[in-house]
Amino acid sequence: MTAVEEGVAEVPLRRNREFRLLWVGQALSDFGSAMAGLALPLVLLAAGYGPAEAGLIGTVVLVVGMVVRVPSGYLADRSDSRALMLVSDLARLAVVAVAAVWLLAGRLPLWVALLVVVVSAVALEAFRPAQNKVVRRVVPADQLGHAVSLNQARMYGASIAAPAVAGVLIALGPWIPFAANAVTFAVSAWCIFLLARTPAPVTSATREKFWPEVSAGLKYVVRDRFLRQSSVYFALLNLVFSALSYALILGAATQPGGAAAVGVAMSSAALAGLAGSLLAPYVAKRVSLRVVLMAGPVLSAALLVLAWSGGGTVPFVAAFSALCLLTPVIGAVLATIMAKAVPEDVYGRVTAASSFASQLLQPLGPGLAGLVLAHLTFSATAGLFAVCLGALALIALLVPTPSH
């Protein structure tokens, strides 16, 4: 069964007007959001707030995102996707514009910063499943893998360029990154406005009660053997990935030349993620799903063994970069499978539920990394992560081939 609507013109993605509008608008807003996301804690620290208050921003983003993710999938299935995306962009434009004006006038209060991150997090979660539905509508089925990889690539591209640009703009004025982000949201909203109108959502004649409808995506994931077991795999992968990244930052910072090593590691990881996103559709066509799921953990585990045996920071950075290279490939494969197989009327809820389940354990990663490094040396920590990734590769053997 395919959920992609029939009748989509078979044209290359570069000539697909609807996809181009989506991609360009979101590439700009991803770039602006990455700048503002880095600038906000720095602005708070410069204003005299402590690390606890600045760190609160990151925690609020994670918590709000997880709380509203599943209801956002329901909203996407029951609303006009184009209208929902437009409202989400305009809401984010409004709050970052308020932050820019406030900073231009003086010190940014903590409550305004929290308002910005809460509204932005809610709007982003509402935007994502709606965008997934529009991409699925405007892209032919055999091009969905390529479209997913290009969407991932734009996010990695933003994470590479935005930090440097944000640093320059903050030096010119703390309000400037937020004003620039408001402009990117305005352009994104205009691109969405130019999209063809989305067909009315398909709904059953008999409406269920609110909670059964909201939880339909979670129930679908639980019932589907492939989605259920792949969600467990992704939850563990994201936990290890989050912990490994913080172990690298915290552990490498204590080594000779630590700050430079951390900077190089993050840049190389972002470049690896960009490369993995672009390679995803080609790898998916030539390599079996099980090999794709195993490759990242196996390669990273082998490099971490080198770090454990005395290789130092370089193999640790290489292991993290290898995981960054192959994780987008794995994510693109799963997203393409769902785009081709999940019924249209629950697609928004299923993608939101799958994302929720896959990222449920991720917030524990930084704390676990700190706990491990408090009791083990950096090299011993590398050995522990090698064991965890080896176990994850074995778990990949249990993920069934999708029956769709």
Protein backbone atom coordinates (compact mmCIF):
# COMPACT_ATOMS: atom_id res chain seq x y z
CA MET A 1 0.00 0.00 0.00
CA THR A 2 1.30 3.47 -0.80
CA ALA A 3 0.17 6.60 0.93
CA VAL A 4 1.63 8.99 -1.60
CA GLU A 5 -1.10 10.62 -3.63
CA GLU A 6 -1.37 9.64 -7.26
CA GLY A 7 -0.95 12.16 -10.00
CA VAL A 8 2.23 13.89 -8.80
CA ALA A 9 4.17 14.97 -11.87
CA GLU A 10 7.33 12.93 -12.40
CA VAL A 11 9.87 15.78 -12.58
CA PRO A 12 13.34 16.06 -10.97
CA LEU A 13 13.32 17.58 -7.50
CA ARG A 14 15.32 20.58 -8.71
CA ARG A 15 12.41 21.43 -11.04
CA ASN A 16 9.65 20.59 -8.54
CA ARG A 17 8.31 24.06 -7.66
CA GLU A 18 6.54 22.99 -4.47
CA PHE A 19 9.54 21.12 -3.09
CA ARG A 20 11.89 23.99 -4.01
CA LEU A 21 9.71 26.48 -2.12
CA LEU A 22 9.67 24.23 0.94
CA TRP A 23 13.40 23.54 0.83
CA VAL A 24 14.56 27.13 0.32
CA GLY A 25 12.22 28.53 2.98
CA GLN A 26 13.23 25.95 5.54
CA ALA A 27 16.94 26.18 4.72
CA LEU A 28 16.79 29.87 5.62
CA SER A 29 14.69 29.38 8.76
CA ASP A 30 16.91 26.48 9.92
CA PHE A 31 19.92 28.76 9.51
CA GLY A 32 18.24 31.61 11.39
CA SER A 33 17.05 29.31 14.18
CA ALA A 34 20.52 27.81 14.59
CA MET A 35 21.94 31.32 14.97
CA ALA A 36 19.31 32.40 17.50
CA GLY A 37 19.59 29.10 19.42
CA LEU A 38 23.30 29.72 19.96
CA ALA A 39 22.87 33.44 20.60
CA LEU A 40 20.19 33.17 23.29
CA PRO A 41 22.26 31.52 26.09
CA LEU A 42 25.23 33.75 25.21
CA VAL A 43 23.05 36.85 25.47
CA LEU A 44 21.72 35.72 28.84
CA LEU A 45 25.23 35.09 30.16
CA ALA A 46 26.38 38.51 28.93
CA ALA A 47 23.39 40.09 30.67
CA GLY A 48 24.53 38.73 34.04
CA TYR A 49 22.48 35.54 34.32
CA GLY A 50 24.27 32.46 35.61
CA PRO A 51 24.93 29.16 33.81
CA ALA A 52 21.89 27.61 35.54
CA GLU A 53 19.52 30.16 33.99
CA ALA A 54 21.20 29.87 30.58
CA GLY A 55 21.12 26.07 30.76
CA LEU A 56 17.42 26.19 31.68
CA ILE A 57 16.73 27.31 28.12
CA GLY A 58 18.01 24.04 26.66
CA THR A 59 16.07 21.95 29.16
CA VAL A 60 12.82 23.81 28.43
CA VAL A 61 13.25 23.25 24.68
CA LEU A 62 13.65 19.48 25.17
CA VAL A 63 10.78 19.13 27.66
CA VAL A 64 8.29 21.25 25.70
CA GLY A 65 9.18 19.45 22.48
CA MET A 66 8.54 16.03 23.97
CA VAL A 67 5.26 17.10 25.62
CA VAL A 68 3.67 18.56 22.48
CA ARG A 69 5.10 16.16 19.88
CA VAL A 70 2.34 13.54 19.86
CA PRO A 71 -0.54 16.10 19.97
CA SER A 72 1.18 17.94 17.10
CA GLY A 73 0.87 14.84 14.94
CA TYR A 74 -2.87 14.79 15.67
CA LEU A 75 -3.11 18.47 14.73
CA ALA A 76 -1.32 17.83 11.44
CA ASP A 77 -3.75 15.04 10.54
CA ARG A 78 -6.79 17.17 11.38
CA SER A 79 -5.71 20.52 9.89
CA ASP A 80 -4.76 22.09 6.58
CA SER A 81 -1.00 21.40 6.46
CA ARG A 82 -0.16 24.57 4.57
CA ALA A 83 -2.14 26.75 6.99
CA LEU A 84 -0.58 25.04 10.02
CA MET A 85 2.94 25.60 8.67
CA LEU A 86 2.16 29.24 7.93
CA VAL A 87 0.80 29.88 11.44
CA SER A 88 3.84 28.15 12.97
CA ASP A 89 6.28 30.33 11.05
CA LEU A 90 4.39 33.53 11.85
CA ALA A 91 4.30 32.63 15.55
CA ARG A 92 8.07 32.10 15.59
CA LEU A 93 8.61 35.31 13.62
CA ALA A 94 6.61 37.25 16.22
CA VAL A 95 8.50 36.00 19.28
CA VAL A 96 12.01 36.38 17.84
CA ALA A 97 11.07 39.87 16.65
CA VAL A 98 9.99 40.71 20.21
CA ALA A 99 13.34 39.42 21.50
CA ALA A 100 15.22 41.51 18.92
CA VAL A 101 13.32 44.70 19.85
CA TRP A 102 13.80 44.04 23.58
CA LEU A 103 17.54 43.50 23.16
CA LEU A 104 17.80 46.64 21.04
CA ALA A 105 16.17 48.56 23.90
CA GLY A 106 18.22 46.95 26.68
CA ARG A 107 18.57 43.78 28.80
CA LEU A 108 16.50 40.71 27.89
CA PRO A 109 14.42 39.43 30.86
CA LEU A 110 14.52 35.71 31.54
CA TRP A 111 10.75 35.39 31.16
CA VAL A 112 10.96 36.81 27.61
CA ALA A 113 13.71 34.31 26.76
CA LEU A 114 11.54 31.48 28.10
CA LEU A 115 8.56 32.78 26.09
CA VAL A 116 10.68 32.72 22.95
CA VAL A 117 11.85 29.13 23.44
CA VAL A 118 8.42 27.80 24.49
CA VAL A 119 6.55 29.34 21.54
CA SER A 120 9.34 28.36 19.15
CA ALA A 121 9.40 24.77 20.42
CA VAL A 122 5.60 24.38 20.15
CA ALA A 123 5.56 25.95 16.68
CA LEU A 124 8.44 23.76 15.48
CA GLU A 125 6.73 20.57 16.67
CA ALA A 126 3.50 21.62 14.92
CA PHE A 127 5.43 22.47 11.76
CA ARG A 128 7.34 19.20 11.35
CA PRO A 129 4.52 16.68 10.80
CA ALA A 130 2.65 19.17 8.62
CA GLN A 131 5.77 19.60 6.47
CA ASN A 132 6.17 15.81 6.24
CA LYS A 133 2.65 15.53 4.88
CA VAL A 134 3.25 18.26 2.30
CA VAL A 135 6.54 16.71 1.15
CA ARG A 136 4.80 13.38 0.76
CA ARG A 137 2.05 15.06 -1.29
CA VAL A 138 4.32 16.96 -3.70
CA VAL A 139 7.15 14.43 -4.19
CA PRO A 140 6.71 11.20 -6.23
CA ALA A 141 7.17 7.98 -4.28
CA ASP A 142 10.44 7.00 -5.96
CA GLN A 143 11.96 10.41 -5.10
CA LEU A 144 11.00 10.46 -1.42
CA GLY A 145 14.34 9.06 -0.27
CA HIS A 146 16.20 11.80 -2.13
CA ALA A 147 13.84 14.46 -0.72
CA VAL A 148 14.34 13.22 2.85
CA SER A 149 18.12 13.28 2.43
CA LEU A 150 18.06 16.83 1.06
CA ASN A 151 15.92 17.98 3.99
CA GLN A 152 18.41 16.44 6.42
CA ALA A 153 21.31 18.00 4.54
CA ARG A 154 19.92 21.51 4.90
CA MET A 155 19.81 21.11 8.70
CA TYR A 156 23.41 19.92 8.85
CA GLY A 157 24.44 22.74 6.53
CA ALA A 158 22.83 25.24 8.91
CA SER A 159 24.65 23.70 11.89
CA ILE A 160 27.98 24.13 10.08
CA ALA A 161 27.59 27.76 9.02
CA ALA A 162 25.30 29.30 11.63
CA PRO A 163 27.61 29.27 14.71
CA ALA A 164 30.33 31.31 12.98
CA VAL A 165 27.83 33.81 11.57
CA ALA A 166 26.09 34.09 14.95
CA GLY A 167 29.39 34.94 16.63
CA VAL A 168 30.05 37.74 14.15
CA LEU A 169 26.52 39.16 14.46
CA ILE A 170 26.53 39.07 18.28
CA ALA A 171 29.75 41.10 18.21
CA LEU A 172 27.96 43.71 16.10
CA GLY A 173 24.92 43.75 18.39
CA PRO A 174 23.14 41.10 20.52
CA TRP A 175 19.80 41.89 18.87
CA ILE A 176 21.03 41.28 15.31
CA PRO A 177 20.87 37.42 15.24
CA PHE A 178 17.24 37.56 16.39
CA ALA A 179 16.35 40.22 13.82
CA ALA A 180 18.00 38.07 11.15
CA ASN A 181 16.03 35.05 12.36
CA ALA A 182 12.80 37.04 12.09
CA VAL A 183 13.66 37.84 8.46
CA THR A 184 14.30 34.16 7.70
CA PHE A 185 10.91 33.22 9.16
CA ALA A 186 9.26 35.92 7.06
CA VAL A 187 10.84 34.48 3.90
CA SER A 188 9.85 30.96 4.94
CA ALA A 189 6.26 32.07 5.56
CA TRP A 190 6.16 33.69 2.13
CA CYS A 191 7.44 30.49 0.48
CA ILE A 192 4.72 28.51 2.27
CA PHE A 193 2.09 31.06 1.25
CA LEU A 194 3.09 30.46 -2.40
CA LEU A 195 2.49 26.70 -2.09
CA ALA A 196 -0.57 25.22 -3.72
CA ARG A 197 -3.39 24.80 -1.23
CA THR A 198 -3.40 21.50 0.64
CA PRO A 199 -6.44 19.25 0.13
CA ALA A 200 -8.76 19.00 3.12
CA PRO A 201 -7.66 16.26 5.55
CA VAL A 202 -9.34 12.90 5.06
CA THR A 203 -11.39 12.09 8.16
CA SER A 204 -13.79 9.33 9.00
CA ALA A 205 -17.50 10.09 9.19
CA THR A 206 -17.55 9.00 12.83
CA ARG A 207 -15.14 10.98 14.98
CA GLU A 208 -13.58 9.20 17.91
CA LYS A 209 -12.99 10.69 21.32
CA PHE A 210 -10.03 13.06 21.64
CA TRP A 211 -7.51 10.77 23.35
CA PRO A 212 -8.07 7.73 21.09
CA GLU A 213 -7.48 10.01 18.09
CA VAL A 214 -4.37 11.61 19.59
CA SER A 215 -2.89 8.23 20.57
CA ALA A 216 -3.65 6.55 17.23
CA GLY A 217 -0.07 7.14 16.06
CA LEU A 218 1.40 5.51 19.16
CA LYS A 219 -0.95 2.54 18.75
CA TYR A 220 0.08 2.17 15.11
CA VAL A 221 3.78 2.13 16.05
CA VAL A 222 3.17 -0.46 18.78
CA ARG A 223 1.13 -2.73 16.48
CA ASP A 224 3.57 -2.56 13.55
CA ARG A 225 6.42 -4.99 14.28
CA PHE A 226 9.00 -3.13 12.20
CA LEU A 227 8.18 0.32 13.60
CA ARG A 228 8.00 -1.03 17.16
CA GLN A 229 11.40 -2.71 17.11
CA SER A 230 13.09 0.01 15.05
CA SER A 231 11.84 2.60 17.57
CA VAL A 232 13.56 0.65 20.36
CA TYR A 233 16.77 0.58 18.28
CA PHE A 234 16.56 4.32 17.58
CA ALA A 235 15.84 5.16 21.22
CA LEU A 236 19.03 3.35 22.27
CA LEU A 237 21.02 4.79 19.35
CA ASN A 238 19.96 8.36 20.22
CA LEU A 239 20.79 7.79 23.90
CA VAL A 240 24.29 6.53 23.05
CA PHE A 241 24.78 9.29 20.48
CA SER A 242 23.79 12.01 22.96
CA ALA A 243 25.99 10.55 25.71
CA LEU A 244 28.92 10.06 23.32
CA SER A 245 28.78 13.66 22.12
CA TYR A 246 28.84 15.03 25.66
CA ALA A 247 31.55 12.57 26.70
CA LEU A 248 33.63 13.87 23.81
CA ILE A 249 33.06 17.51 24.77
CA LEU A 250 33.65 17.00 28.50
CA GLY A 251 36.48 14.48 28.12
CA ALA A 252 38.40 16.17 25.30
CA ALA A 253 38.22 19.51 27.13
CA THR A 254 40.46 18.05 29.86
CA GLN A 255 43.10 16.87 27.37
CA PRO A 256 46.02 18.99 26.03
CA GLY A 257 44.60 21.41 23.46
CA GLY A 258 41.12 20.41 24.57
CA ALA A 259 39.17 23.47 23.40
CA ALA A 260 40.62 23.23 19.89
CA ALA A 261 39.94 19.48 19.82
CA VAL A 262 36.29 20.03 20.76
CA GLY A 263 35.89 22.67 18.05
CA VAL A 264 37.43 20.43 15.39
CA ALA A 265 35.31 17.49 16.56
CA MET A 266 32.03 19.38 16.31
CA SER A 267 32.89 20.79 12.89
CA SER A 268 33.97 17.41 11.54
CA ALA A 269 30.84 15.79 12.96
CA ALA A 270 28.60 18.35 11.26
CA LEU A 271 30.42 17.84 7.95
CA ALA A 272 30.07 14.06 8.35
CA GLY A 273 26.35 14.46 9.00
CA LEU A 274 25.98 16.58 5.87
CA ALA A 275 27.84 13.97 3.82
CA GLY A 276 25.73 11.17 5.29
CA SER A 277 22.51 13.01 4.42
CA LEU A 278 23.58 13.45 0.79
CA LEU A 279 24.72 9.82 0.50
CA ALA A 280 21.60 8.38 2.12
CA PRO A 281 19.47 7.68 -1.01
CA TYR A 282 22.39 6.00 -2.81
CA VAL A 283 23.33 3.83 0.17
CA ALA A 284 19.71 2.82 0.78
CA LYS A 285 19.40 1.51 -2.79
CA ARG A 286 22.57 -0.58 -2.61
CA VAL A 287 22.83 -1.80 0.99
CA SER A 288 20.35 -3.90 2.96
CA LEU A 289 18.49 -2.28 5.84
CA ARG A 290 20.08 -4.56 8.45
CA VAL A 291 23.60 -3.71 7.24
CA VAL A 292 22.74 0.00 7.36
CA LEU A 293 21.53 -0.35 10.96
CA MET A 294 24.66 -2.24 12.01
CA ALA A 295 27.31 -0.25 10.13
CA GLY A 296 27.34 2.90 12.25
CA PRO A 297 27.63 1.20 15.65
CA VAL A 298 30.20 -1.33 14.40
CA LEU A 299 32.50 1.29 12.82
CA SER A 300 32.24 3.61 15.83
CA ALA A 301 32.87 0.76 18.26
CA ALA A 302 36.03 -0.26 16.36
CA LEU A 303 37.38 3.31 16.50
CA LEU A 304 36.55 3.60 20.19
CA VAL A 305 38.53 0.44 20.88
CA LEU A 306 41.52 2.28 19.40
CA ALA A 307 40.83 5.22 21.72
CA TRP A 308 40.57 2.85 24.69
CA SER A 309 43.86 1.14 23.82
CA GLY A 310 45.80 4.40 23.97
CA GLY A 311 44.93 6.16 20.73
CA GLY A 312 43.88 9.32 22.56
CA THR A 313 41.39 11.92 21.39
CA VAL A 314 41.70 11.46 17.62
CA PRO A 315 40.07 7.97 17.43
CA PHE A 316 37.32 9.21 19.80
CA VAL A 317 36.59 12.12 17.43
CA ALA A 318 36.70 9.74 14.46
CA ALA A 319 34.21 7.39 16.17
CA PHE A 320 31.80 10.24 16.83
CA SER A 321 32.15 11.48 13.24
CA ALA A 322 31.52 7.96 11.92
CA LEU A 323 28.28 7.82 13.88
CA CYS A 324 27.37 11.28 12.55
CA LEU A 325 28.05 10.05 9.02
CA LEU A 326 25.84 6.97 9.21
CA THR A 327 23.04 8.13 11.55
CA PRO A 328 21.46 10.37 8.84
CA VAL A 329 21.50 7.41 6.47
CA ILE A 330 19.61 5.30 9.01
CA GLY A 331 17.15 8.13 9.71
CA ALA A 332 16.51 8.74 6.01
CA VAL A 333 15.79 5.05 5.40
CA LEU A 334 13.22 4.95 8.21
CA ALA A 335 11.58 8.23 7.12
CA THR A 336 11.31 6.98 3.53
CA ILE A 337 9.75 3.68 4.61
CA MET A 338 7.11 5.52 6.65
CA ALA A 339 6.42 8.02 3.87
CA LYS A 340 5.72 5.20 1.43
CA ALA A 341 3.79 2.87 3.73
CA VAL A 342 1.85 4.67 6.47
CA PRO A 343 -1.79 5.53 5.61
CA GLU A 344 -2.44 9.21 4.89
CA ASP A 345 -5.08 9.71 7.59
CA VAL A 346 -2.66 8.80 10.44
CA TYR A 347 0.66 9.78 8.83
CA GLY A 348 1.19 12.92 10.91
CA ARG A 349 0.46 11.07 14.16
CA VAL A 350 2.63 8.07 13.25
CA THR A 351 5.67 10.18 12.36
CA ALA A 352 5.23 12.22 15.55
CA ALA A 353 4.82 9.07 17.66
CA SER A 354 7.87 7.42 16.07
CA SER A 355 9.95 10.55 16.71
CA PHE A 356 8.70 10.71 20.31
CA ALA A 357 9.60 7.08 20.99
CA SER A 358 12.98 7.36 19.27
CA GLN A 359 14.03 10.43 21.28
CA LEU A 360 12.48 9.49 24.60
CA LEU A 361 15.80 8.48 26.19
CA GLN A 362 17.99 11.10 24.50
CA PRO A 363 17.77 13.77 27.27
CA LEU A 364 19.43 11.28 29.66
CA GLY A 365 22.60 11.20 27.56
CA PRO A 366 24.42 14.31 28.87
CA GLY A 367 23.87 13.33 32.50
CA LEU A 368 25.05 9.77 31.88
CA ALA A 369 28.18 11.06 30.14
CA GLY A 370 29.02 13.26 33.11
CA LEU A 371 28.40 10.40 35.52
CA VAL A 372 30.65 8.02 33.59
CA LEU A 373 33.49 10.53 33.29
CA ALA A 374 33.26 11.24 37.02
CA HIS A 375 34.22 7.60 37.72
CA LEU A 376 36.27 6.52 34.66
CA THR A 377 39.20 7.90 32.70
CA PHE A 378 38.66 9.25 29.19
CA SER A 379 40.15 6.11 27.63
CA ALA A 380 38.07 3.80 29.85
CA THR A 381 34.99 5.79 28.86
CA ALA A 382 35.84 5.08 25.22
CA GLY A 383 35.99 1.36 26.01
CA LEU A 384 32.59 1.47 27.73
CA PHE A 385 31.00 3.18 24.73
CA ALA A 386 32.60 0.60 22.43
CA VAL A 387 30.83 -2.15 24.37
CA CYS A 388 27.50 -0.26 24.24
CA LEU A 389 27.75 0.28 20.49
CA GLY A 390 28.69 -3.37 19.95
CA ALA A 391 25.56 -4.39 21.83
CA LEU A 392 23.54 -1.97 19.71
CA ALA A 393 24.86 -3.61 16.55
CA LEU A 394 23.57 -6.96 17.88
CA ILE A 395 20.18 -5.39 18.61
CA ALA A 396 20.06 -4.29 14.96
CA LEU A 397 19.96 -7.98 13.99
CA LEU A 398 16.58 -8.23 15.73
CA VAL A 399 14.95 -5.44 13.69
CA PRO A 400 12.75 -7.19 11.10
CA THR A 401 12.59 -6.31 7.43
CA PRO A 402 9.54 -4.06 6.92
CA SER A 403 6.58 -5.98 5.59
CA HIS A 404 5.19 -2.98 3.68
